[in-house]
Amino acid sequence: MNFFKLPFLPKLALAVISIIGIGYLIKLGQSILAPFFLAFLMAMLFLPIANFLEKN
């Protein structure tokens, strides 16, 4: 692999811009991501009940 080294300041700028961009995308997609997160959480909570009912 050919990795190139960046100085500290460009790395810091890239990290800050990335964090701001990810935060903006999360804020923008909150109305879409919230139902998926809730559905995933409920699926994980009901998984033991479903496994129990499938065994019986």
PDB file of N, CA and C in Angstrom:
ATOM      1  N   MET A   1       0.833  -1.170   0.000  1.00  0.00           N
ATOM      2  CA  MET A   1       0.000   0.000   0.000  1.00  0.00           C
ATOM      3  C   MET A   1       0.886   1.243   0.000  1.00  0.00           C
ATOM      4  N   ASN A   2       0.431   2.217  -0.725  1.00  0.00           N
ATOM      5  CA  ASN A   2       1.191   3.448  -0.814  1.00  0.00           C
ATOM      6  C   ASN A   2       0.483   4.531   0.007  1.00  0.00           C
ATOM      7  N   PHE A   3       0.900   4.659   1.260  1.00  0.00           N
ATOM      8  CA  PHE A   3       0.330   5.689   2.127  1.00  0.00           C
ATOM      9  C   PHE A   3       1.203   6.925   2.069  1.00  0.00           C
ATOM     10  N   PHE A   4       0.559   8.064   1.990  1.00  0.00           N
ATOM     11  CA  PHE A   4       1.323   9.302   2.004  1.00  0.00           C
ATOM     12  C   PHE A   4       1.005  10.043   3.295  1.00  0.00           C
ATOM     13  N   LYS A   5       1.984  10.730   3.809  1.00  0.00           N
ATOM     14  CA  LYS A   5       1.839  11.417   5.087  1.00  0.00           C
ATOM     15  C   LYS A   5       1.413  12.859   4.850  1.00  0.00           C
ATOM     16  N   LEU A   6       0.388  13.256   5.575  1.00  0.00           N
ATOM     17  CA  LEU A   6      -0.077  14.635   5.541  1.00  0.00           C
ATOM     18  C   LEU A   6       0.411  15.345   6.797  1.00  0.00           C
ATOM     19  N   PRO A   7       0.668  16.614   6.686  1.00  0.00           N
ATOM     20  CA  PRO A   7       1.001  17.370   7.893  1.00  0.00           C
ATOM     21  C   PRO A   7      -0.198  17.437   8.846  1.00  0.00           C
ATOM     22  N   PHE A   8       0.045  17.903  10.060  1.00  0.00           N
ATOM     23  CA  PHE A   8      -0.983  17.899  11.097  1.00  0.00           C
ATOM     24  C   PHE A   8      -2.178  18.767  10.737  1.00  0.00           C
ATOM     25  N   LEU A   9      -1.934  19.960  10.242  1.00  0.00           N
ATOM     26  CA  LEU A   9      -3.026  20.898   9.984  1.00  0.00           C
ATOM     27  C   LEU A   9      -4.012  20.394   8.920  1.00  0.00           C
ATOM     28  N   PRO A  10      -3.556  19.854   7.789  1.00  0.00           N
ATOM     29  CA  PRO A  10      -4.536  19.292   6.843  1.00  0.00           C
ATOM     30  C   PRO A  10      -5.296  18.091   7.412  1.00  0.00           C
ATOM     31  N   LYS A  11      -4.633  17.271   8.240  1.00  0.00           N
ATOM     32  CA  LYS A  11      -5.331  16.150   8.873  1.00  0.00           C
ATOM     33  C   LYS A  11      -6.428  16.659   9.794  1.00  0.00           C
ATOM     34  N   LEU A  12      -6.099  17.682  10.580  1.00  0.00           N
ATOM     35  CA  LEU A  12      -7.075  18.264  11.499  1.00  0.00           C
ATOM     36  C   LEU A  12      -8.239  18.875  10.738  1.00  0.00           C
ATOM     37  N   ALA A  13      -7.941  19.596   9.668  1.00  0.00           N
ATOM     38  CA  ALA A  13      -8.996  20.211   8.864  1.00  0.00           C
ATOM     39  C   ALA A  13      -9.892  19.139   8.244  1.00  0.00           C
ATOM     40  N   LEU A  14      -9.296  18.074   7.743  1.00  0.00           N
ATOM     41  CA  LEU A  14     -10.073  16.986   7.150  1.00  0.00           C
ATOM     42  C   LEU A  14     -10.953  16.310   8.191  1.00  0.00           C
ATOM     43  N   ALA A  15     -10.426  16.109   9.386  1.00  0.00           N
ATOM     44  CA  ALA A  15     -11.215  15.482  10.449  1.00  0.00           C
ATOM     45  C   ALA A  15     -12.380  16.370  10.861  1.00  0.00           C
ATOM     46  N   VAL A  16     -12.129  17.661  11.015  1.00  0.00           N
ATOM     47  CA  VAL A  16     -13.196  18.579  11.426  1.00  0.00           C
ATOM     48  C   VAL A  16     -14.262  18.683  10.346  1.00  0.00           C
ATOM     49  N   ILE A  17     -13.859  18.789   9.092  1.00  0.00           N
ATOM     50  CA  ILE A  17     -14.818  18.858   7.988  1.00  0.00           C
ATOM     51  C   ILE A  17     -15.623  17.559   7.893  1.00  0.00           C
ATOM     52  N   SER A  18     -14.976  16.431   8.118  1.00  0.00           N
ATOM     53  CA  SER A  18     -15.678  15.144   8.082  1.00  0.00           C
ATOM     54  C   SER A  18     -16.711  15.047   9.194  1.00  0.00           C
ATOM     55  N   ILE A  19     -16.339  15.470  10.394  1.00  0.00           N
ATOM     56  CA  ILE A  19     -17.275  15.411  11.524  1.00  0.00           C
ATOM     57  C   ILE A  19     -18.463  16.332  11.272  1.00  0.00           C
ATOM     58  N   ILE A  20     -18.208  17.529  10.774  1.00  0.00           N
ATOM     59  CA  ILE A  20     -19.298  18.460  10.469  1.00  0.00           C
ATOM     60  C   ILE A  20     -20.192  17.888   9.369  1.00  0.00           C
ATOM     61  N   GLY A  21     -19.590  17.296   8.348  1.00  0.00           N
ATOM     62  CA  GLY A  21     -20.369  16.714   7.255  1.00  0.00           C
ATOM     63  C   GLY A  21     -21.221  15.543   7.714  1.00  0.00           C
ATOM     64  N   ILE A  22     -20.661  14.674   8.541  1.00  0.00           N
ATOM     65  CA  ILE A  22     -21.432  13.540   9.051  1.00  0.00           C
ATOM     66  C   ILE A  22     -22.567  14.030   9.937  1.00  0.00           C
ATOM     67  N   GLY A  23     -22.283  15.037  10.769  1.00  0.00           N
ATOM     68  CA  GLY A  23     -23.338  15.610  11.607  1.00  0.00           C
ATOM     69  C   GLY A  23     -24.449  16.220  10.776  1.00  0.00           C
ATOM     70  N   TYR A  24     -24.082  16.904   9.704  1.00  0.00           N
ATOM     71  CA  TYR A  24     -25.085  17.503   8.813  1.00  0.00           C
ATOM     72  C   TYR A  24     -25.933  16.424   8.144  1.00  0.00           C
ATOM     73  N   LEU A  25     -25.293  15.341   7.689  1.00  0.00           N
ATOM     74  CA  LEU A  25     -26.049  14.257   7.059  1.00  0.00           C
ATOM     75  C   LEU A  25     -26.977  13.569   8.047  1.00  0.00           C
ATOM     76  N   ILE A  26     -26.524  13.414   9.283  1.00  0.00           N
ATOM     77  CA  ILE A  26     -27.383  12.810  10.305  1.00  0.00           C
ATOM     78  C   ILE A  26     -28.575  13.720  10.588  1.00  0.00           C
ATOM     79  N   LYS A  27     -28.319  15.014  10.698  1.00  0.00           N
ATOM     80  CA  LYS A  27     -29.417  15.967  10.944  1.00  0.00           C
ATOM     81  C   LYS A  27     -30.379  15.977   9.763  1.00  0.00           C
ATOM     82  N   LEU A  28     -29.848  15.915   8.547  1.00  0.00           N
ATOM     83  CA  LEU A  28     -30.677  15.918   7.349  1.00  0.00           C
ATOM     84  C   LEU A  28     -31.488  14.626   7.227  1.00  0.00           C
ATOM     85  N   GLY A  29     -30.877  13.506   7.566  1.00  0.00           N
ATOM     86  CA  GLY A  29     -31.545  12.219   7.421  1.00  0.00           C
ATOM     87  C   GLY A  29     -32.238  11.732   8.663  1.00  0.00           C
ATOM     88  N   GLN A  30     -32.424  12.605   9.649  1.00  0.00           N
ATOM     89  CA  GLN A  30     -33.010  12.188  10.915  1.00  0.00           C
ATOM     90  C   GLN A  30     -34.431  11.675  10.725  1.00  0.00           C
ATOM     91  N   SER A  31     -35.188  12.293   9.857  1.00  0.00           N
ATOM     92  CA  SER A  31     -36.565  11.850   9.641  1.00  0.00           C
ATOM     93  C   SER A  31     -36.611  10.487   8.947  1.00  0.00           C
ATOM     94  N   ILE A  32     -35.544  10.112   8.279  1.00  0.00           N
ATOM     95  CA  ILE A  32     -35.481   8.805   7.619  1.00  0.00           C
ATOM     96  C   ILE A  32     -34.841   7.780   8.535  1.00  0.00           C
ATOM     97  N   LEU A  33     -33.800   8.180   9.264  1.00  0.00           N
ATOM     98  CA  LEU A  33     -33.060   7.237  10.095  1.00  0.00           C
ATOM     99  C   LEU A  33     -33.788   6.862  11.384  1.00  0.00           C
ATOM    100  N   ALA A  34     -34.576   7.761  11.930  1.00  0.00           N
ATOM    101  CA  ALA A  34     -35.248   7.491  13.203  1.00  0.00           C
ATOM    102  C   ALA A  34     -36.184   6.281  13.122  1.00  0.00           C
ATOM    103  N   PRO A  35     -37.042   6.153  12.119  1.00  0.00           N
ATOM    104  CA  PRO A  35     -37.889   4.953  12.050  1.00  0.00           C
ATOM    105  C   PRO A  35     -37.089   3.666  11.854  1.00  0.00           C
ATOM    106  N   PHE A  36     -36.002   3.727  11.074  1.00  0.00           N
ATOM    107  CA  PHE A  36     -35.179   2.529  10.897  1.00  0.00           C
ATOM    108  C   PHE A  36     -34.504   2.126  12.201  1.00  0.00           C
ATOM    109  N   PHE A  37     -34.025   3.105  12.944  1.00  0.00           N
ATOM    110  CA  PHE A  37     -33.396   2.814  14.219  1.00  0.00           C
ATOM    111  C   PHE A  37     -34.406   2.232  15.203  1.00  0.00           C
ATOM    112  N   LEU A  38     -35.605   2.793  15.247  1.00  0.00           N
ATOM    113  CA  LEU A  38     -36.642   2.283  16.129  1.00  0.00           C
ATOM    114  C   LEU A  38     -37.048   0.867  15.728  1.00  0.00           C
ATOM    115  N   ALA A  39     -37.166   0.611  14.441  1.00  0.00           N
ATOM    116  CA  ALA A  39     -37.517  -0.731  13.966  1.00  0.00           C
ATOM    117  C   ALA A  39     -36.421  -1.736  14.312  1.00  0.00           C
ATOM    118  N   PHE A  40     -35.162  -1.347  14.171  1.00  0.00           N
ATOM    119  CA  PHE A  40     -34.048  -2.226  14.525  1.00  0.00           C
ATOM    120  C   PHE A  40     -34.058  -2.518  16.017  1.00  0.00           C
ATOM    121  N   LEU A  41     -34.293  -1.492  16.829  1.00  0.00           N
ATOM    122  CA  LEU A  41     -34.334  -1.674  18.269  1.00  0.00           C
ATOM    123  C   LEU A  41     -35.461  -2.601  18.677  1.00  0.00           C
ATOM    124  N   MET A  42     -36.638  -2.419  18.096  1.00  0.00           N
ATOM    125  CA  MET A  42     -37.761  -3.297  18.423  1.00  0.00           C
ATOM    126  C   MET A  42     -37.510  -4.723  17.961  1.00  0.00           C
ATOM    127  N   ALA A  43     -36.868  -4.883  16.813  1.00  0.00           N
ATOM    128  CA  ALA A  43     -36.555  -6.227  16.323  1.00  0.00           C
ATOM    129  C   ALA A  43     -35.597  -6.943  17.270  1.00  0.00           C
ATOM    130  N   MET A  44     -34.612  -6.203  17.783  1.00  0.00           N
ATOM    131  CA  MET A  44     -33.673  -6.811  18.728  1.00  0.00           C
ATOM    132  C   MET A  44     -34.345  -7.141  20.060  1.00  0.00           C
ATOM    133  N   LEU A  45     -35.293  -6.301  20.466  1.00  0.00           N
ATOM    134  CA  LEU A  45     -35.991  -6.566  21.723  1.00  0.00           C
ATOM    135  C   LEU A  45     -36.928  -7.769  21.612  1.00  0.00           C
ATOM    136  N   PHE A  46     -37.565  -7.941  20.464  1.00  0.00           N
ATOM    137  CA  PHE A  46     -38.517  -9.037  20.290  1.00  0.00           C
ATOM    138  C   PHE A  46     -37.879 -10.333  19.797  1.00  0.00           C
ATOM    139  N   LEU A  47     -36.587 -10.325  19.510  1.00  0.00           N
ATOM    140  CA  LEU A  47     -35.929 -11.529  19.005  1.00  0.00           C
ATOM    141  C   LEU A  47     -35.979 -12.697  19.992  1.00  0.00           C
ATOM    142  N   PRO A  48     -35.704 -12.507  21.282  1.00  0.00           N
ATOM    143  CA  PRO A  48     -35.819 -13.653  22.206  1.00  0.00           C
ATOM    144  C   PRO A  48     -37.240 -14.206  22.285  1.00  0.00           C
ATOM    145  N   ILE A  49     -38.243 -13.347  22.215  1.00  0.00           N
ATOM    146  CA  ILE A  49     -39.630 -13.813  22.253  1.00  0.00           C
ATOM    147  C   ILE A  49     -39.945 -14.617  21.001  1.00  0.00           C
ATOM    148  N   ALA A  50     -39.493 -14.142  19.869  1.00  0.00           N
ATOM    149  CA  ALA A  50     -39.728 -14.860  18.611  1.00  0.00           C
ATOM    150  C   ALA A  50     -39.035 -16.217  18.614  1.00  0.00           C
ATOM    151  N   ASN A  51     -37.795 -16.262  19.110  1.00  0.00           N
ATOM    152  CA  ASN A  51     -37.077 -17.540  19.186  1.00  0.00           C
ATOM    153  C   ASN A  51     -37.790 -18.506  20.122  1.00  0.00           C
ATOM    154  N   PHE A  52     -38.300 -18.021  21.244  1.00  0.00           N
ATOM    155  CA  PHE A  52     -39.035 -18.869  22.178  1.00  0.00           C
ATOM    156  C   PHE A  52     -40.300 -19.424  21.536  1.00  0.00           C
ATOM    157  N   LEU A  53     -41.027 -18.563  20.828  1.00  0.00           N
ATOM    158  CA  LEU A  53     -42.268 -19.011  20.199  1.00  0.00           C
ATOM    159  C   LEU A  53     -42.012 -19.964  19.048  1.00  0.00           C
ATOM    160  N   GLU A  54     -40.889 -19.825  18.355  1.00  0.00           N
ATOM    161  CA  GLU A  54     -40.573 -20.753  17.265  1.00  0.00           C
ATOM    162  C   GLU A  54     -40.198 -22.134  17.796  1.00  0.00           C
ATOM    163  N   LYS A  55     -39.580 -22.183  18.976  1.00  0.00           N
ATOM    164  CA  LYS A  55     -39.213 -23.485  19.548  1.00  0.00           C
ATOM    165  C   LYS A  55     -40.438 -24.274  19.983  1.00  0.00           C
ATOM    166  N   ASN A  56     -41.468 -23.574  20.424  1.00  0.00           N
ATOM    167  CA  ASN A  56     -42.668 -24.274  20.940  1.00  0.00           C
ATOM    168  C   ASN A  56     -43.705 -24.476  19.884  1.00  0.00           C
TER     169      ASN A  56
END
